[in-house]
Amino acid sequence: MQNIINAFLKDGKTDLFKSLKEIGILFDLDNTFNTPFSESVLKALLKTKPGEITTYSDLAKRINSKAYRAVGGVLRNNPLPLVIPCHRVIKKDGTLGGFMGKMDEDWQTNLKRSLLKIEGNIVLD
């Protein structure tokens, strides 16, 4: 597992969810994301690869919804923010938005920014 995390930190191209699944570390996502809406948000988000970003509204469109705020609500409750890559979701205007349920905590915003930079993304915030 240390090799997986080191690879992610080195090149930002490692898909942590996929890599951990491949070595047999499984997550009980059914009990974490237990509504059809939240499951569809999760599945759509997991298609966003390292180095890619999406917006809350684009993620909503991918699941045939206009409820971008509800998408944010699902991501706000993500218990595995490094594995389930909610850091790849930004606001429509290109700014960071929240991370781990907070918008006003500098350390969380800085962590989101750092994760995106590791993956090769540049954001306006």
Protein backbone atom coordinates (compact mmCIF):
# COMPACT_ATOMS: atom_id res chain seq x y z
CA MET A 1 0.00 0.00 0.00
CA GLN A 2 2.88 2.35 0.72
CA ASN A 3 4.08 1.90 -2.87
CA ILE A 4 0.65 2.91 -4.18
CA ILE A 5 0.57 6.09 -2.11
CA ASN A 6 4.18 6.94 -2.98
CA ALA A 7 3.39 6.47 -6.69
CA PHE A 8 0.42 8.83 -6.35
CA LEU A 9 2.52 11.45 -4.58
CA LYS A 10 5.32 11.11 -7.12
CA ASP A 11 3.42 11.40 -10.38
CA GLY A 12 -0.21 12.08 -9.48
CA LYS A 13 -1.41 9.61 -12.10
CA THR A 14 -2.16 6.69 -9.79
CA ASP A 15 -5.88 5.97 -9.34
CA LEU A 16 -5.96 5.21 -5.62
CA PHE A 17 -9.43 3.63 -5.66
CA LYS A 18 -8.54 1.27 -8.51
CA SER A 19 -5.07 0.46 -7.17
CA LEU A 20 -6.33 -0.40 -3.69
CA LYS A 21 -9.10 -2.53 -5.16
CA GLU A 22 -6.53 -4.42 -7.25
CA ILE A 23 -4.58 -5.43 -4.14
CA GLY A 24 -7.73 -6.61 -2.40
CA ILE A 25 -8.62 -3.60 -0.28
CA LEU A 26 -12.34 -3.23 -0.76
CA PHE A 27 -14.57 -0.48 0.55
CA ASP A 28 -18.18 -0.98 1.64
CA LEU A 29 -19.52 1.81 -0.51
CA ASP A 30 -23.07 0.46 -0.43
CA ASN A 31 -23.43 1.46 3.21
CA THR A 32 -21.62 4.75 2.73
CA PHE A 33 -23.40 5.88 -0.42
CA ASN A 34 -26.73 4.22 0.23
CA THR A 35 -29.16 6.04 -2.04
CA PRO A 36 -29.50 5.62 -5.79
CA PHE A 37 -28.60 9.29 -6.25
CA SER A 38 -25.44 9.11 -4.14
CA GLU A 39 -24.40 5.85 -5.80
CA SER A 40 -24.78 7.44 -9.23
CA VAL A 41 -22.72 10.46 -8.13
CA LEU A 42 -20.00 8.13 -6.86
CA LYS A 43 -19.91 6.06 -10.05
CA ALA A 44 -19.72 9.19 -12.20
CA LEU A 45 -16.99 10.67 -10.01
CA LEU A 46 -14.87 7.52 -10.19
CA LYS A 47 -14.76 7.95 -13.98
CA THR A 48 -12.85 11.21 -13.45
CA LYS A 49 -9.24 10.09 -13.81
CA PRO A 50 -6.14 11.53 -12.15
CA GLY A 51 -5.18 14.73 -13.96
CA GLU A 52 -8.80 15.49 -14.87
CA ILE A 53 -11.21 17.83 -13.13
CA THR A 54 -14.94 18.24 -13.35
CA THR A 55 -17.49 20.62 -11.86
CA TYR A 56 -20.40 19.97 -9.56
CA SER A 57 -22.81 20.88 -12.37
CA ASP A 58 -21.02 18.69 -14.93
CA LEU A 59 -21.10 15.79 -12.51
CA ALA A 60 -24.84 16.35 -12.07
CA LYS A 61 -25.30 16.40 -15.86
CA ARG A 62 -23.44 13.08 -16.16
CA ILE A 63 -26.14 11.48 -14.03
CA ASN A 64 -28.97 13.28 -15.85
CA SER A 65 -29.67 15.68 -13.01
CA LYS A 66 -29.62 19.43 -12.46
CA ALA A 67 -29.07 19.03 -8.71
CA TYR A 68 -25.48 20.23 -8.51
CA ARG A 69 -25.91 21.28 -4.87
CA ALA A 70 -27.10 17.78 -4.00
CA VAL A 71 -23.97 16.45 -5.73
CA GLY A 72 -21.95 18.68 -3.40
CA GLY A 73 -23.90 17.27 -0.47
CA VAL A 74 -22.96 13.73 -1.43
CA LEU A 75 -19.30 14.69 -1.79
CA ARG A 76 -19.39 16.58 1.51
CA ASN A 77 -20.12 13.26 3.23
CA ASN A 78 -17.32 11.36 1.49
CA PRO A 79 -15.48 9.42 4.23
CA LEU A 80 -12.55 8.54 1.93
CA PRO A 81 -11.55 11.84 0.28
CA LEU A 82 -8.19 10.65 -1.00
CA VAL A 83 -9.54 7.38 -2.37
CA ILE A 84 -12.85 8.65 -3.70
CA PRO A 85 -11.46 11.67 -5.56
CA CYS A 86 -13.86 14.45 -4.61
CA HIS A 87 -10.88 16.84 -4.78
CA ARG A 88 -11.27 16.64 -8.59
CA VAL A 89 -14.60 18.46 -8.40
CA ILE A 90 -14.43 22.25 -8.57
CA LYS A 91 -16.89 25.09 -9.01
CA LYS A 92 -18.18 26.04 -12.45
CA ASP A 93 -16.21 29.32 -12.34
CA GLY A 94 -12.94 27.38 -12.03
CA THR A 95 -12.35 28.08 -8.34
CA LEU A 96 -11.80 25.29 -5.85
CA GLY A 97 -15.04 25.21 -3.90
CA GLY A 98 -15.18 23.16 -0.73
CA PHE A 99 -13.32 20.05 0.34
CA MET A 100 -14.25 17.51 2.98
CA GLY A 101 -17.39 19.45 3.83
CA LYS A 102 -15.70 22.80 4.45
CA MET A 103 -15.12 25.95 2.47
CA ASP A 104 -13.65 28.15 5.18
CA GLU A 105 -10.84 25.97 6.48
CA ASP A 106 -7.49 26.96 4.97
CA TRP A 107 -5.85 23.58 5.59
CA GLN A 108 -8.63 21.77 3.71
CA THR A 109 -8.53 24.19 0.81
CA ASN A 110 -4.74 23.92 0.71
CA LEU A 111 -4.96 20.11 0.76
CA LYS A 112 -7.41 20.13 -2.17
CA ARG A 113 -5.18 22.53 -4.09
CA SER A 114 -2.12 20.37 -3.35
CA LEU A 115 -3.84 17.17 -4.49
CA LEU A 116 -4.87 18.83 -7.74
CA LYS A 117 -1.33 20.14 -8.29
CA ILE A 118 0.12 16.67 -7.66
CA GLU A 119 -2.19 15.40 -10.40
CA GLY A 120 -1.09 18.19 -12.75
CA ASN A 121 -4.09 20.51 -12.49
CA ILE A 122 -4.01 24.27 -12.09
CA VAL A 123 -6.99 26.07 -10.58
CA LEU A 124 -7.79 29.77 -10.23
CA ASP A 125 -8.20 29.78 -6.45
